[in-house]
Structure formats: structure tokens, C-alpha cells
C-alpha atoms as a PDB file:
ATOM      1  CA  UNK A   1      -3.525  -8.659  -7.283  1.00  0.00           C
ATOM      2  CA  UNK A   2      -1.044  -8.148 -10.378  1.00  0.00           C
ATOM      3  CA  UNK A   3      -2.258  -4.686 -10.803  1.00  0.00           C
ATOM      4  CA  UNK A   4      -1.968  -3.583  -7.155  1.00  0.00           C
ATOM      5  CA  UNK A   5       1.560  -4.830  -7.276  1.00  0.00           C
ATOM      6  CA  UNK A   6       2.049  -3.100 -10.746  1.00  0.00           C
ATOM      7  CA  UNK A   7       0.870   0.019  -8.675  1.00  0.00           C
ATOM      8  CA  UNK A   8       3.001  -0.586  -5.947  1.00  0.00           C
ATOM      9  CA  UNK A   9       6.037  -1.170  -7.877  1.00  0.00           C
ATOM     10  CA  UNK A  10       5.504   2.387 -10.049  1.00  0.00           C
ATOM     11  CA  UNK A  11       5.206   4.100  -7.018  1.00  0.00           C
ATOM     12  CA  UNK A  12       8.145   2.563  -4.951  1.00  0.00           C
ATOM     13  CA  UNK A  13      10.171   2.785  -8.260  1.00  0.00           C
ATOM     14  CA  UNK A  14       9.656   6.735  -8.525  1.00  0.00           C
ATOM     15  CA  UNK A  15       9.825   7.464  -5.084  1.00  0.00           C
ATOM     16  CA  UNK A  16      13.433   5.742  -4.587  1.00  0.00           C
ATOM     17  CA  UNK A  17      14.340   6.981  -8.282  1.00  0.00           C
ATOM     18  CA  UNK A  18      13.785  10.788  -7.124  1.00  0.00           C
ATOM     19  CA  UNK A  19      15.357  10.076  -3.359  1.00  0.00           C
ATOM     20  CA  UNK A  20      18.377   8.689  -4.950  1.00  0.00           C
ATOM     21  CA  UNK A  21      18.838  11.160  -7.452  1.00  0.00           C
ATOM     22  CA  UNK A  22      18.374  14.180  -5.479  1.00  0.00           C
ATOM     23  CA  UNK A  23      19.192  13.689  -1.967  1.00  0.00           C
ATOM     24  CA  UNK A  24      20.906  10.346  -1.284  1.00  0.00           C
ATOM     25  CA  UNK A  25      23.640  11.533   0.836  1.00  0.00           C
ATOM     26  CA  UNK A  26      20.857  12.363   3.391  1.00  0.00           C
ATOM     27  CA  UNK A  27      19.728   8.976   3.798  1.00  0.00           C
ATOM     28  CA  UNK A  28      21.460   6.157   1.794  1.00  0.00           C
ATOM     29  CA  UNK A  29      20.008   3.405   3.922  1.00  0.00           C
ATOM     30  CA  UNK A  30      16.448   4.609   3.761  1.00  0.00           C
ATOM     31  CA  UNK A  31      16.529   5.420   0.085  1.00  0.00           C
ATOM     32  CA  UNK A  32      18.405   1.959  -0.537  1.00  0.00           C
ATOM     33  CA  UNK A  33      15.734   0.076   1.065  1.00  0.00           C
ATOM     34  CA  UNK A  34      12.820   1.810  -1.080  1.00  0.00           C
ATOM     35  CA  UNK A  35      14.754   0.760  -3.977  1.00  0.00           C
ATOM     36  CA  UNK A  36      15.033  -3.163  -2.593  1.00  0.00           C
ATOM     37  CA  UNK A  37      11.133  -2.522  -1.969  1.00  0.00           C
ATOM     38  CA  UNK A  38      10.770  -1.378  -5.920  1.00  0.00           C
ATOM     39  CA  UNK A  39      12.771  -4.338  -6.710  1.00  0.00           C
ATOM     40  CA  UNK A  40      10.548  -6.812  -4.875  1.00  0.00           C
ATOM     41  CA  UNK A  41       7.318  -5.215  -5.967  1.00  0.00           C
ATOM     42  CA  UNK A  42       8.641  -5.362  -9.888  1.00  0.00           C
ATOM     43  CA  UNK A  43       9.758  -9.233  -9.174  1.00  0.00           C
ATOM     44  CA  UNK A  44       6.395  -9.922  -7.800  1.00  0.00           C
ATOM     45  CA  UNK A  45       4.420  -8.109 -10.380  1.00  0.00           C
ATOM     46  CA  UNK A  46       6.230 -10.138 -13.265  1.00  0.00           C
ATOM     47  CA  UNK A  47       5.898 -13.517 -11.069  1.00  0.00           C
ATOM     48  CA  UNK A  48       2.426 -13.017 -10.719  1.00  0.00           C
ATOM     49  CA  UNK A  49       1.826 -12.128 -14.217  1.00  0.00           C
ATOM     50  CA  UNK A  50       3.843 -14.821 -15.595  1.00  0.00           C
ATOM     51  CA  UNK A  51       1.933 -17.318 -13.273  1.00  0.00           C
ATOM     52  CA  UNK A  52       3.190 -21.336 -13.812  1.00  0.00           C
ATOM     53  CA  UNK A  53       5.032 -23.259 -11.179  1.00  0.00           C
ATOM     54  CA  UNK A  54       8.109 -21.002 -11.410  1.00  0.00           C
ATOM     55  CA  UNK A  55       6.349 -17.583 -11.301  1.00  0.00           C
ATOM     56  CA  UNK A  56       4.483 -18.757  -8.547  1.00  0.00           C
ATOM     57  CA  UNK A  57       7.591 -19.751  -6.569  1.00  0.00           C
ATOM     58  CA  UNK A  58       8.817 -16.650  -7.246  1.00  0.00           C
ATOM     59  CA  UNK A  59       5.861 -14.473  -6.164  1.00  0.00           C
ATOM     60  CA  UNK A  60       5.737 -16.768  -2.821  1.00  0.00           C
ATOM     61  CA  UNK A  61       9.413 -15.626  -2.012  1.00  0.00           C
ATOM     62  CA  UNK A  62       8.653 -12.192  -3.332  1.00  0.00           C
ATOM     63  CA  UNK A  63       5.558 -12.020  -0.796  1.00  0.00           C
ATOM     64  CA  UNK A  64       7.624 -13.522   1.888  1.00  0.00           C
ATOM     65  CA  UNK A  65      10.514 -11.217   1.664  1.00  0.00           C
ATOM     66  CA  UNK A  66       8.171  -8.235   1.433  1.00  0.00           C
ATOM     67  CA  UNK A  67       6.224  -9.054   4.718  1.00  0.00           C
ATOM     68  CA  UNK A  68       9.725  -9.813   6.524  1.00  0.00           C
ATOM     69  CA  UNK A  69      10.960  -6.524   4.976  1.00  0.00           C
ATOM     70  CA  UNK A  70       7.820  -4.414   6.150  1.00  0.00           C
ATOM     71  CA  UNK A  71       7.791  -6.008   9.588  1.00  0.00           C
ATOM     72  CA  UNK A  72      11.655  -5.405   9.960  1.00  0.00           C
ATOM     73  CA  UNK A  73      12.020  -1.986   8.951  1.00  0.00           C
ATOM     74  CA  UNK A  74       8.252  -1.100  10.351  1.00  0.00           C
ATOM     75  CA  UNK A  75       9.594  -2.295  13.488  1.00  0.00           C
ATOM     76  CA  UNK A  76      12.770  -0.545  13.471  1.00  0.00           C
ATOM     77  CA  UNK A  77      11.417   2.695  12.395  1.00  0.00           C
ATOM     78  CA  UNK A  78       8.721   3.071  15.262  1.00  0.00           C
ATOM     79  CA  UNK A  79      11.172   2.121  18.057  1.00  0.00           C
ATOM     80  CA  UNK A  80      14.486   3.650  16.879  1.00  0.00           C
ATOM     81  CA  UNK A  81      13.237   6.042  14.406  1.00  0.00           C
ATOM     82  CA  UNK A  82      16.974   7.554  14.223  1.00  0.00           C
ATOM     83  CA  UNK A  83      18.007   4.769  11.859  1.00  0.00           C
ATOM     84  CA  UNK A  84      15.907   6.046   9.208  1.00  0.00           C
ATOM     85  CA  UNK A  85      16.420   9.872   9.016  1.00  0.00           C
ATOM     86  CA  UNK A  86      13.889   9.751   6.347  1.00  0.00           C
ATOM     87  CA  UNK A  87      10.888   7.439   5.372  1.00  0.00           C
ATOM     88  CA  UNK A  88      11.344   4.290   3.322  1.00  0.00           C
ATOM     89  CA  UNK A  89       8.227   2.762   1.396  1.00  0.00           C
ATOM     90  CA  UNK A  90       7.984   0.440   4.641  1.00  0.00           C
ATOM     91  CA  UNK A  91       8.893   2.950   7.474  1.00  0.00           C
ATOM     92  CA  UNK A  92       6.015   2.467  10.217  1.00  0.00           C
ATOM     93  CA  UNK A  93       4.573  -0.318   8.436  1.00  0.00           C
ATOM     94  CA  UNK A  94       3.984   1.494   5.312  1.00  0.00           C
ATOM     95  CA  UNK A  95       2.043   4.080   6.962  1.00  0.00           C
ATOM     96  CA  UNK A  96       2.914   6.873   4.098  1.00  0.00           C
ATOM     97  CA  UNK A  97       1.131   4.338   2.011  1.00  0.00           C
ATOM     98  CA  UNK A  98      -1.976   3.578   4.002  1.00  0.00           C
ATOM     99  CA  UNK A  99      -0.308   0.514   5.362  1.00  0.00           C
ATOM    100  CA  UNK A 100      -0.914  -1.046   2.130  1.00  0.00           C
ATOM    101  CA  UNK A 101       2.663  -2.261   2.362  1.00  0.00           C
ATOM    102  CA  UNK A 102       1.897  -4.155   5.506  1.00  0.00           C
ATOM    103  CA  UNK A 103      -1.364  -5.851   4.101  1.00  0.00           C
ATOM    104  CA  UNK A 104      -0.349  -6.117   0.305  1.00  0.00           C
ATOM    105  CA  UNK A 105       2.078  -9.411   1.137  1.00  0.00           C
ATOM    106  CA  UNK A 106      -0.383 -11.102   3.835  1.00  0.00           C
ATOM    107  CA  UNK A 107      -3.164 -10.696   0.649  1.00  0.00           C
ATOM    108  CA  UNK A 108      -0.784 -11.963  -1.655  1.00  0.00           C
ATOM    109  CA  UNK A 109       0.323 -15.101   0.233  1.00  0.00           C
ATOM    110  CA  UNK A 110      -3.018 -15.842   1.142  1.00  0.00           C
ATOM    111  CA  UNK A 111      -4.013 -15.679  -2.699  1.00  0.00           C
ATOM    112  CA  UNK A 112      -1.377 -17.730  -3.714  1.00  0.00           C
ATOM    113  CA  UNK A 113      -1.843 -20.290  -1.404  1.00  0.00           C
ATOM    114  CA  UNK A 114      -5.369 -20.585  -2.068  1.00  0.00           C
ATOM    115  CA  UNK A 115      -5.159 -20.458  -5.835  1.00  0.00           C
ATOM    116  CA  UNK A 116      -4.895 -24.078  -7.661  1.00  0.00           C
ATOM    117  CA  UNK A 117      -1.117 -24.686  -8.110  1.00  0.00           C
ATOM    118  CA  UNK A 118       0.243 -24.799 -11.889  1.00  0.00           C
END
């Protein structure tokens, strides 16, 4: 789970960095949402790797916010595409990433809830 989150932390960070550096004025909300997704992936990666009670709580919060974000942005990008003139990591429920952004937080939450605490 940590490796998958690390991969998405790197991918989302790179995407957001390039978008913000090269064409921020074209779709600032979309690019800032990509940066938010990257920050959540980074925090989740660190929390999952750290473990313990605090790591678990932070990871649960990250996975929950990530799931809400991908559902909200996914819904809005499908039903009102004009809101997002360019894609985010979470656009169309993560279609650009093979829907992994939609599945990953669900798997993360299940993994965290099934593992022993501590």
C-alpha cells in the first residue's frame, strides 16, 4: 500500500508541478486540485510508512479526504465539464490514471480498518 501511494505521490506532484509552472493561468482551479491531490498522497504515504496510532489516524483522514475529493471532483467534471478546462488527477473519477485514484482510497481504508491497531 505504501509503494502505491508513493507512486501516486510522485506522479501527482510531477503533474501538478508541470501544470502550475507552465500553464497555471489556463486552469488554476484544476491545477491547484492536482497539487492538493499530490499533498494528500504525500501525507498518506508518510503516515502509512510511519504506522502507529498517529500514522494510522493521519492515513485514515487522508484516505477519507481523498475519497471525498475524487468523488466530488469526478462528479463535477462529468456533469459540468466547463468547471475544469483541464484535467486534474481526480477528473472523471481518475480516468486519466486508470481509475486508480477512485479505487486507491477505498483499498486504503479497507486495509487500514482490517489491520490490527497499534
